[in-house]
């Protein structure tokens, strides 16, 4: 995971929507696709970018791949933002 990959992934509104849907729980690619009008290859690309950035994890369950949020990366990004803003430094 690099911050550049994370911010690149978050820059796209479709990927942000995918993350929003995953907030409610783990979903298969098929379940995610019900929220969008796009081709399977396009959805696969978006999921690949999110996975490469470390924002989502995937697990094979039988014939399905289930996607879930990787909250560790969100915590790392938040810590970086707080550090840059200087809000986390003691007075």
PDB file of N, CA and C in Angstrom:
ATOM      1  N   UNK A   1       0.844  -1.181   0.000  1.00  0.00           N
ATOM      2  CA  UNK A   1       0.000   0.000   0.000  1.00  0.00           C
ATOM      3  C   UNK A   1       0.884   1.237   0.000  1.00  0.00           C
ATOM      4  N   UNK A   2       0.604   2.127  -0.929  1.00  0.00           N
ATOM      5  CA  UNK A   2       1.245   3.433  -0.897  1.00  0.00           C
ATOM      6  C   UNK A   2       0.140   4.487  -0.858  1.00  0.00           C
ATOM      7  N   UNK A   3       0.455   5.612  -0.247  1.00  0.00           N
ATOM      8  CA  UNK A   3      -0.546   6.683  -0.184  1.00  0.00           C
ATOM      9  C   UNK A   3      -0.970   7.113  -1.576  1.00  0.00           C
ATOM     10  N   UNK A   4      -0.043   7.091  -2.529  1.00  0.00           N
ATOM     11  CA  UNK A   4      -0.383   7.471  -3.905  1.00  0.00           C
ATOM     12  C   UNK A   4      -1.449   6.540  -4.469  1.00  0.00           C
ATOM     13  N   UNK A   5      -1.307   5.236  -4.234  1.00  0.00           N
ATOM     14  CA  UNK A   5      -2.307   4.273  -4.708  1.00  0.00           C
ATOM     15  C   UNK A   5      -3.650   4.479  -4.009  1.00  0.00           C
ATOM     16  N   UNK A   6      -3.599   4.757  -2.719  1.00  0.00           N
ATOM     17  CA  UNK A   6      -4.833   4.973  -1.959  1.00  0.00           C
ATOM     18  C   UNK A   6      -5.572   6.195  -2.489  1.00  0.00           C
ATOM     19  N   UNK A   7      -4.862   7.313  -2.641  1.00  0.00           N
ATOM     20  CA  UNK A   7      -5.524   8.528  -3.114  1.00  0.00           C
ATOM     21  C   UNK A   7      -5.994   8.388  -4.554  1.00  0.00           C
ATOM     22  N   UNK A   8      -5.250   7.648  -5.375  1.00  0.00           N
ATOM     23  CA  UNK A   8      -5.690   7.390  -6.754  1.00  0.00           C
ATOM     24  C   UNK A   8      -6.996   6.595  -6.736  1.00  0.00           C
ATOM     25  N   UNK A   9      -7.060   5.595  -5.870  1.00  0.00           N
ATOM     26  CA  UNK A   9      -8.272   4.776  -5.763  1.00  0.00           C
ATOM     27  C   UNK A   9      -9.451   5.604  -5.270  1.00  0.00           C
ATOM     28  N   UNK A  10      -9.208   6.458  -4.289  1.00  0.00           N
ATOM     29  CA  UNK A  10     -10.282   7.270  -3.712  1.00  0.00           C
ATOM     30  C   UNK A  10     -10.715   8.415  -4.615  1.00  0.00           C
ATOM     31  N   UNK A  11      -9.911   8.750  -5.606  1.00  0.00           N
ATOM     32  CA  UNK A  11     -10.236   9.870  -6.494  1.00  0.00           C
ATOM     33  C   UNK A  11     -11.426   9.571  -7.393  1.00  0.00           C
ATOM     34  N   UNK A  12     -11.733   8.314  -7.586  1.00  0.00           N
ATOM     35  CA  UNK A  12     -12.813   7.932  -8.502  1.00  0.00           C
ATOM     36  C   UNK A  12     -14.128   7.776  -7.748  1.00  0.00           C
ATOM     37  N   UNK A  13     -15.189   8.462  -8.195  1.00  0.00           N
ATOM     38  CA  UNK A  13     -16.477   8.384  -7.481  1.00  0.00           C
ATOM     39  C   UNK A  13     -17.083   6.981  -7.470  1.00  0.00           C
ATOM     40  N   UNK A  14     -16.872   6.204  -8.506  1.00  0.00           N
ATOM     41  CA  UNK A  14     -17.409   4.839  -8.528  1.00  0.00           C
ATOM     42  C   UNK A  14     -16.755   4.004  -7.440  1.00  0.00           C
ATOM     43  N   UNK A  15     -15.445   4.143  -7.289  1.00  0.00           N
ATOM     44  CA  UNK A  15     -14.753   3.379  -6.259  1.00  0.00           C
ATOM     45  C   UNK A  15     -15.172   3.833  -4.859  1.00  0.00           C
ATOM     46  N   UNK A  16     -15.409   5.116  -4.694  1.00  0.00           N
ATOM     47  CA  UNK A  16     -15.902   5.587  -3.392  1.00  0.00           C
ATOM     48  C   UNK A  16     -17.277   4.990  -3.099  1.00  0.00           C
ATOM     49  N   UNK A  17     -18.115   4.857  -4.109  1.00  0.00           N
ATOM     50  CA  UNK A  17     -19.439   4.251  -3.915  1.00  0.00           C
ATOM     51  C   UNK A  17     -19.316   2.774  -3.555  1.00  0.00           C
ATOM     52  N   UNK A  18     -18.378   2.079  -4.196  1.00  0.00           N
ATOM     53  CA  UNK A  18     -18.158   0.667  -3.860  1.00  0.00           C
ATOM     54  C   UNK A  18     -17.781   0.553  -2.393  1.00  0.00           C
ATOM     55  N   UNK A  19     -16.875   1.408  -1.937  1.00  0.00           N
ATOM     56  CA  UNK A  19     -16.471   1.388  -0.530  1.00  0.00           C
ATOM     57  C   UNK A  19     -17.648   1.670   0.388  1.00  0.00           C
ATOM     58  N   UNK A  20     -18.506   2.589  -0.030  1.00  0.00           N
ATOM     59  CA  UNK A  20     -19.691   2.928   0.773  1.00  0.00           C
ATOM     60  C   UNK A  20     -20.607   1.710   0.916  1.00  0.00           C
ATOM     61  N   UNK A  21     -20.789   0.959  -0.156  1.00  0.00           N
ATOM     62  CA  UNK A  21     -21.624  -0.245  -0.092  1.00  0.00           C
ATOM     63  C   UNK A  21     -20.992  -1.308   0.808  1.00  0.00           C
ATOM     64  N   UNK A  22     -19.670  -1.375   0.818  1.00  0.00           N
ATOM     65  CA  UNK A  22     -18.988  -2.367   1.650  1.00  0.00           C
ATOM     66  C   UNK A  22     -19.006  -2.007   3.131  1.00  0.00           C
ATOM     67  N   UNK A  23     -19.366  -0.776   3.452  1.00  0.00           N
ATOM     68  CA  UNK A  23     -19.498  -0.382   4.861  1.00  0.00           C
ATOM     69  C   UNK A  23     -20.564  -1.214   5.569  1.00  0.00           C
ATOM     70  N   UNK A  24     -21.572  -1.630   4.821  1.00  0.00           N
ATOM     71  CA  UNK A  24     -22.681  -2.388   5.409  1.00  0.00           C
ATOM     72  C   UNK A  24     -22.356  -3.864   5.582  1.00  0.00           C
ATOM     73  N   UNK A  25     -21.224  -4.301   5.031  1.00  0.00           N
ATOM     74  CA  UNK A  25     -20.836  -5.708   5.166  1.00  0.00           C
ATOM     75  C   UNK A  25     -20.193  -6.222   3.892  1.00  0.00           C
ATOM     76  N   UNK A  26     -19.674  -7.419   3.986  1.00  0.00           N
ATOM     77  CA  UNK A  26     -18.995  -8.053   2.865  1.00  0.00           C
ATOM     78  C   UNK A  26     -19.971  -8.334   1.730  1.00  0.00           C
ATOM     79  N   UNK A  27     -19.471  -8.203   0.493  1.00  0.00           N
ATOM     80  CA  UNK A  27     -20.297  -8.432  -0.691  1.00  0.00           C
ATOM     81  C   UNK A  27     -19.501  -9.167  -1.761  1.00  0.00           C
ATOM     82  N   UNK A  28     -20.195  -9.963  -2.560  1.00  0.00           N
ATOM     83  CA  UNK A  28     -19.572 -10.560  -3.731  1.00  0.00           C
ATOM     84  C   UNK A  28     -19.575  -9.527  -4.857  1.00  0.00           C
ATOM     85  N   UNK A  29     -18.807  -9.791  -5.894  1.00  0.00           N
ATOM     86  CA  UNK A  29     -18.793  -8.892  -7.045  1.00  0.00           C
ATOM     87  C   UNK A  29     -20.186  -8.784  -7.658  1.00  0.00           C
ATOM     88  N   UNK A  30     -20.910  -9.891  -7.679  1.00  0.00           N
ATOM     89  CA  UNK A  30     -22.270  -9.871  -8.208  1.00  0.00           C
ATOM     90  C   UNK A  30     -23.191  -8.979  -7.405  1.00  0.00           C
ATOM     91  N   UNK A  31     -23.053  -9.031  -6.088  1.00  0.00           N
ATOM     92  CA  UNK A  31     -23.874  -8.173  -5.225  1.00  0.00           C
ATOM     93  C   UNK A  31     -23.494  -6.704  -5.401  1.00  0.00           C
ATOM     94  N   UNK A  32     -22.207  -6.439  -5.548  1.00  0.00           N
ATOM     95  CA  UNK A  32     -21.767  -5.063  -5.780  1.00  0.00           C
ATOM     96  C   UNK A  32     -22.302  -4.558  -7.114  1.00  0.00           C
ATOM     97  N   UNK A  33     -22.304  -5.409  -8.117  1.00  0.00           N
ATOM     98  CA  UNK A  33     -22.726  -4.987  -9.460  1.00  0.00           C
ATOM     99  C   UNK A  33     -24.184  -4.568  -9.523  1.00  0.00           C
ATOM    100  N   UNK A  34     -25.012  -5.033  -8.581  1.00  0.00           N
ATOM    101  CA  UNK A  34     -26.428  -4.657  -8.608  1.00  0.00           C
ATOM    102  C   UNK A  34     -26.624  -3.165  -8.340  1.00  0.00           C
ATOM    103  N   UNK A  35     -25.609  -2.504  -7.790  1.00  0.00           N
ATOM    104  CA  UNK A  35     -25.700  -1.081  -7.469  1.00  0.00           C
ATOM    105  C   UNK A  35     -25.202  -0.181  -8.601  1.00  0.00           C
ATOM    106  N   UNK A  36     -24.716  -0.790  -9.694  1.00  0.00           N
ATOM    107  CA  UNK A  36     -24.097  -0.019 -10.772  1.00  0.00           C
ATOM    108  C   UNK A  36     -24.565  -0.503 -12.128  1.00  0.00           C
ATOM    109  N   UNK A  37     -24.501   0.399 -13.092  1.00  0.00           N
ATOM    110  CA  UNK A  37     -24.751   0.039 -14.484  1.00  0.00           C
ATOM    111  C   UNK A  37     -23.393   0.115 -15.181  1.00  0.00           C
ATOM    112  N   UNK A  38     -22.691  -1.023 -15.189  1.00  0.00           N
ATOM    113  CA  UNK A  38     -21.387  -1.074 -15.850  1.00  0.00           C
ATOM    114  C   UNK A  38     -21.085  -2.526 -16.205  1.00  0.00           C
ATOM    115  N   UNK A  39     -20.143  -2.693 -17.082  1.00  0.00           N
ATOM    116  CA  UNK A  39     -19.772  -4.042 -17.512  1.00  0.00           C
ATOM    117  C   UNK A  39     -19.000  -4.749 -16.401  1.00  0.00           C
ATOM    118  N   UNK A  40     -18.979  -6.073 -16.486  1.00  0.00           N
ATOM    119  CA  UNK A  40     -18.221  -6.850 -15.501  1.00  0.00           C
ATOM    120  C   UNK A  40     -16.731  -6.515 -15.538  1.00  0.00           C
ATOM    121  N   UNK A  41     -16.139  -6.344 -16.739  1.00  0.00           N
ATOM    122  CA  UNK A  41     -14.724  -5.960 -16.759  1.00  0.00           C
ATOM    123  C   UNK A  41     -14.458  -4.605 -16.100  1.00  0.00           C
ATOM    124  N   UNK A  42     -15.376  -3.649 -16.238  1.00  0.00           N
ATOM    125  CA  UNK A  42     -15.198  -2.345 -15.600  1.00  0.00           C
ATOM    126  C   UNK A  42     -15.252  -2.478 -14.080  1.00  0.00           C
ATOM    127  N   UNK A  43     -16.220  -3.231 -13.583  1.00  0.00           N
ATOM    128  CA  UNK A  43     -16.328  -3.451 -12.149  1.00  0.00           C
ATOM    129  C   UNK A  43     -15.079  -4.167 -11.631  1.00  0.00           C
ATOM    130  N   UNK A  44     -14.631  -5.151 -12.373  1.00  0.00           N
ATOM    131  CA  UNK A  44     -13.432  -5.891 -11.992  1.00  0.00           C
ATOM    132  C   UNK A  44     -12.220  -4.963 -11.918  1.00  0.00           C
ATOM    133  N   UNK A  45     -12.123  -4.029 -12.856  1.00  0.00           N
ATOM    134  CA  UNK A  45     -11.032  -3.052 -12.840  1.00  0.00           C
ATOM    135  C   UNK A  45     -11.093  -2.201 -11.566  1.00  0.00           C
ATOM    136  N   UNK A  46     -12.273  -1.684 -11.247  1.00  0.00           N
ATOM    137  CA  UNK A  46     -12.432  -0.854 -10.050  1.00  0.00           C
ATOM    138  C   UNK A  46     -12.075  -1.644  -8.787  1.00  0.00           C
ATOM    139  N   UNK A  47     -12.532  -2.881  -8.705  1.00  0.00           N
ATOM    140  CA  UNK A  47     -12.218  -3.711  -7.540  1.00  0.00           C
ATOM    141  C   UNK A  47     -10.716  -3.995  -7.481  1.00  0.00           C
ATOM    142  N   UNK A  48     -10.090  -4.180  -8.632  1.00  0.00           N
ATOM    143  CA  UNK A  48      -8.650  -4.408  -8.678  1.00  0.00           C
ATOM    144  C   UNK A  48      -7.857  -3.216  -8.170  1.00  0.00           C
ATOM    145  N   UNK A  49      -8.291  -2.010  -8.553  1.00  0.00           N
ATOM    146  CA  UNK A  49      -7.621  -0.791  -8.085  1.00  0.00           C
ATOM    147  C   UNK A  49      -7.773  -0.663  -6.570  1.00  0.00           C
ATOM    148  N   UNK A  50      -8.970  -0.924  -6.060  1.00  0.00           N
ATOM    149  CA  UNK A  50      -9.204  -0.854  -4.615  1.00  0.00           C
ATOM    150  C   UNK A  50      -8.382  -1.899  -3.874  1.00  0.00           C
ATOM    151  N   UNK A  51      -8.279  -3.082  -4.450  1.00  0.00           N
ATOM    152  CA  UNK A  51      -7.503  -4.154  -3.835  1.00  0.00           C
ATOM    153  C   UNK A  51      -6.013  -3.802  -3.845  1.00  0.00           C
ATOM    154  N   UNK A  52      -5.518  -3.304  -4.966  1.00  0.00           N
ATOM    155  CA  UNK A  52      -4.111  -2.933  -5.081  1.00  0.00           C
ATOM    156  C   UNK A  52      -3.745  -1.836  -4.071  1.00  0.00           C
ATOM    157  N   UNK A  53      -4.676  -0.931  -3.839  1.00  0.00           N
ATOM    158  CA  UNK A  53      -4.452   0.143  -2.872  1.00  0.00           C
ATOM    159  C   UNK A  53      -4.568  -0.356  -1.436  1.00  0.00           C
ATOM    160  N   UNK A  54      -5.050  -1.573  -1.271  1.00  0.00           N
ATOM    161  CA  UNK A  54      -5.192  -2.134   0.067  1.00  0.00           C
ATOM    162  C   UNK A  54      -6.474  -1.741   0.766  1.00  0.00           C
ATOM    163  N   UNK A  55      -7.378  -1.082   0.046  1.00  0.00           N
ATOM    164  CA  UNK A  55      -8.621  -0.618   0.660  1.00  0.00           C
ATOM    165  C   UNK A  55      -9.652  -1.722   0.821  1.00  0.00           C
ATOM    166  N   UNK A  56      -9.556  -2.755  -0.011  1.00  0.00           N
ATOM    167  CA  UNK A  56     -10.447  -3.905   0.118  1.00  0.00           C
ATOM    168  C   UNK A  56      -9.613  -5.183   0.117  1.00  0.00           C
ATOM    169  N   UNK A  57     -10.163  -6.194   0.751  1.00  0.00           N
ATOM    170  CA  UNK A  57      -9.569  -7.526   0.751  1.00  0.00           C
ATOM    171  C   UNK A  57     -10.567  -8.461   0.090  1.00  0.00           C
ATOM    172  N   UNK A  58     -10.062  -9.508  -0.532  1.00  0.00           N
ATOM    173  CA  UNK A  58     -10.966 -10.487  -1.130  1.00  0.00           C
ATOM    174  C   UNK A  58     -10.656 -11.881  -0.593  1.00  0.00           C
ATOM    175  N   UNK A  59     -11.720 -12.644  -0.436  1.00  0.00           N
ATOM    176  CA  UNK A  59     -11.629 -14.004   0.079  1.00  0.00           C
ATOM    177  C   UNK A  59     -12.494 -14.901  -0.778  1.00  0.00           C
ATOM    178  N   UNK A  60     -11.937 -16.010  -1.189  1.00  0.00           N
ATOM    179  CA  UNK A  60     -12.727 -16.967  -1.969  1.00  0.00           C
ATOM    180  C   UNK A  60     -13.581 -17.799  -1.025  1.00  0.00           C
ATOM    181  N   UNK A  61     -14.875 -17.838  -1.329  1.00  0.00           N
ATOM    182  CA  UNK A  61     -15.827 -18.688  -0.594  1.00  0.00           C
ATOM    183  C   UNK A  61     -16.571 -19.516  -1.623  1.00  0.00           C
ATOM    184  N   UNK A  62     -16.111 -20.736  -1.795  1.00  0.00           N
ATOM    185  CA  UNK A  62     -16.700 -21.588  -2.824  1.00  0.00           C
ATOM    186  C   UNK A  62     -16.402 -21.011  -4.196  1.00  0.00           C
ATOM    187  N   UNK A  63     -17.449 -20.772  -4.969  1.00  0.00           N
ATOM    188  CA  UNK A  63     -17.284 -20.210  -6.304  1.00  0.00           C
ATOM    189  C   UNK A  63     -17.250 -18.691  -6.293  1.00  0.00           C
ATOM    190  N   UNK A  64     -17.504 -18.074  -5.162  1.00  0.00           N
ATOM    191  CA  UNK A  64     -17.577 -16.619  -5.084  1.00  0.00           C
ATOM    192  C   UNK A  64     -16.322 -16.017  -4.466  1.00  0.00           C
ATOM    193  N   UNK A  65     -16.040 -14.793  -4.868  1.00  0.00           N
ATOM    194  CA  UNK A  65     -15.024 -13.993  -4.208  1.00  0.00           C
ATOM    195  C   UNK A  65     -15.775 -12.915  -3.440  1.00  0.00           C
ATOM    196  N   UNK A  66     -15.517 -12.851  -2.146  1.00  0.00           N
ATOM    197  CA  UNK A  66     -16.211 -11.908  -1.274  1.00  0.00           C
ATOM    198  C   UNK A  66     -15.250 -10.769  -0.949  1.00  0.00           C
ATOM    199  N   UNK A  67     -15.740  -9.549  -1.119  1.00  0.00           N
ATOM    200  CA  UNK A  67     -14.940  -8.349  -0.874  1.00  0.00           C
ATOM    201  C   UNK A  67     -15.344  -7.728   0.449  1.00  0.00           C
ATOM    202  N   UNK A  68     -14.342  -7.232   1.174  1.00  0.00           N
ATOM    203  CA  UNK A  68     -14.587  -6.567   2.453  1.00  0.00           C
ATOM    204  C   UNK A  68     -13.647  -5.384   2.584  1.00  0.00           C
ATOM    205  N   UNK A  69     -14.036  -4.429   3.422  1.00  0.00           N
ATOM    206  CA  UNK A  69     -13.194  -3.263   3.681  1.00  0.00           C
ATOM    207  C   UNK A  69     -11.971  -3.672   4.493  1.00  0.00           C
ATOM    208  N   UNK A  70     -10.847  -3.060   4.180  1.00  0.00           N
ATOM    209  CA  UNK A  70      -9.640  -3.234   4.973  1.00  0.00           C
ATOM    210  C   UNK A  70      -9.484  -1.962   5.798  1.00  0.00           C
ATOM    211  N   UNK A  71     -10.024  -1.977   6.993  1.00  0.00           N
ATOM    212  CA  UNK A  71     -10.045  -0.761   7.806  1.00  0.00           C
ATOM    213  C   UNK A  71      -8.657  -0.341   8.277  1.00  0.00           C
ATOM    214  N   UNK A  72      -7.700  -1.258   8.282  1.00  0.00           N
ATOM    215  CA  UNK A  72      -6.336  -0.914   8.686  1.00  0.00           C
ATOM    216  C   UNK A  72      -5.767   0.181   7.803  1.00  0.00           C
ATOM    217  N   UNK A  73      -6.006   0.095   6.503  1.00  0.00           N
ATOM    218  CA  UNK A  73      -5.488   1.109   5.585  1.00  0.00           C
ATOM    219  C   UNK A  73      -6.160   2.454   5.847  1.00  0.00           C
ATOM    220  N   UNK A  74      -7.448   2.447   6.130  1.00  0.00           N
ATOM    221  CA  UNK A  74      -8.143   3.696   6.439  1.00  0.00           C
ATOM    222  C   UNK A  74      -7.550   4.331   7.700  1.00  0.00           C
ATOM    223  N   UNK A  75      -7.215   3.514   8.674  1.00  0.00           N
ATOM    224  CA  UNK A  75      -6.608   4.030   9.903  1.00  0.00           C
ATOM    225  C   UNK A  75      -5.236   4.634   9.612  1.00  0.00           C
ATOM    226  N   UNK A  76      -4.445   3.992   8.744  1.00  0.00           N
ATOM    227  CA  UNK A  76      -3.129   4.515   8.386  1.00  0.00           C
ATOM    228  C   UNK A  76      -3.240   5.849   7.657  1.00  0.00           C
ATOM    229  N   UNK A  77      -4.194   5.953   6.739  1.00  0.00           N
ATOM    230  CA  UNK A  77      -4.387   7.203   5.995  1.00  0.00           C
ATOM    231  C   UNK A  77      -4.849   8.306   6.939  1.00  0.00           C
ATOM    232  N   UNK A  78      -5.762   7.977   7.824  1.00  0.00           N
ATOM    233  CA  UNK A  78      -6.240   8.964   8.793  1.00  0.00           C
ATOM    234  C   UNK A  78      -5.101   9.443   9.692  1.00  0.00           C
ATOM    235  N   UNK A  79      -4.255   8.529  10.131  1.00  0.00           N
ATOM    236  CA  UNK A  79      -3.098   8.911  10.956  1.00  0.00           C
ATOM    237  C   UNK A  79      -2.169   9.832  10.169  1.00  0.00           C
ATOM    238  N   UNK A  80      -1.985   9.551   8.886  1.00  0.00           N
ATOM    239  CA  UNK A  80      -1.139  10.404   8.051  1.00  0.00           C
ATOM    240  C   UNK A  80      -1.749  11.802   7.932  1.00  0.00           C
ATOM    241  N   UNK A  81      -3.051  11.876   7.689  1.00  0.00           N
ATOM    242  CA  UNK A  81      -3.733  13.167   7.550  1.00  0.00           C
ATOM    243  C   UNK A  81      -3.622  13.969   8.848  1.00  0.00           C
ATOM    244  N   UNK A  82      -3.842  13.305   9.973  1.00  0.00           N
ATOM    245  CA  UNK A  82      -3.727  13.988  11.266  1.00  0.00           C
ATOM    246  C   UNK A  82      -2.298  14.484  11.469  1.00  0.00           C
ATOM    247  N   UNK A  83      -1.315  13.668  11.090  1.00  0.00           N
ATOM    248  CA  UNK A  83       0.075  14.084  11.218  1.00  0.00           C
ATOM    249  C   UNK A  83       0.424  15.268  10.361  1.00  0.00           C
ATOM    250  N   UNK A  84      -0.096  15.285   9.134  1.00  0.00           N
ATOM    251  CA  UNK A  84       0.171  16.407   8.219  1.00  0.00           C
ATOM    252  C   UNK A  84      -0.489  17.686   8.723  1.00  0.00           C
ATOM    253  N   UNK A  85      -1.681  17.531   9.286  1.00  0.00           N
ATOM    254  CA  UNK A  85      -2.407  18.721   9.745  1.00  0.00           C
ATOM    255  C   UNK A  85      -1.848  19.267  11.047  1.00  0.00           C
ATOM    256  N   UNK A  86      -1.024  18.468  11.725  1.00  0.00           N
ATOM    257  CA  UNK A  86      -0.448  18.909  12.984  1.00  0.00           C
ATOM    258  C   UNK A  86      -1.398  18.801  14.153  1.00  0.00           C
ATOM    259  N   UNK A  87      -2.583  18.247  13.933  1.00  0.00           N
ATOM    260  CA  UNK A  87      -3.591  18.138  15.003  1.00  0.00           C
ATOM    261  C   UNK A  87      -3.236  17.085  16.034  1.00  0.00           C
ATOM    262  N   UNK A  88      -2.380  16.137  15.648  1.00  0.00           N
ATOM    263  CA  UNK A  88      -2.053  15.058  16.563  1.00  0.00           C
ATOM    264  C   UNK A  88      -0.853  15.342  17.432  1.00  0.00           C
ATOM    265  N   UNK A  89      -0.231  16.496  17.259  1.00  0.00           N
ATOM    266  CA  UNK A  89       0.975  16.818  18.033  1.00  0.00           C
ATOM    267  C   UNK A  89       0.608  17.475  19.356  1.00  0.00           C
ATOM    268  N   UNK A  90       1.276  17.072  20.424  1.00  0.00           N
ATOM    269  CA  UNK A  90       1.000  17.721  21.708  1.00  0.00           C
ATOM    270  C   UNK A  90       1.524  19.154  21.719  1.00  0.00           C
ATOM    271  N   UNK A  91       0.908  20.013  22.503  1.00  0.00           N
ATOM    272  CA  UNK A  91       1.303  21.417  22.592  1.00  0.00           C
ATOM    273  C   UNK A  91       2.527  21.578  23.453  1.00  0.00           C
TER     274      UNK A  91
END
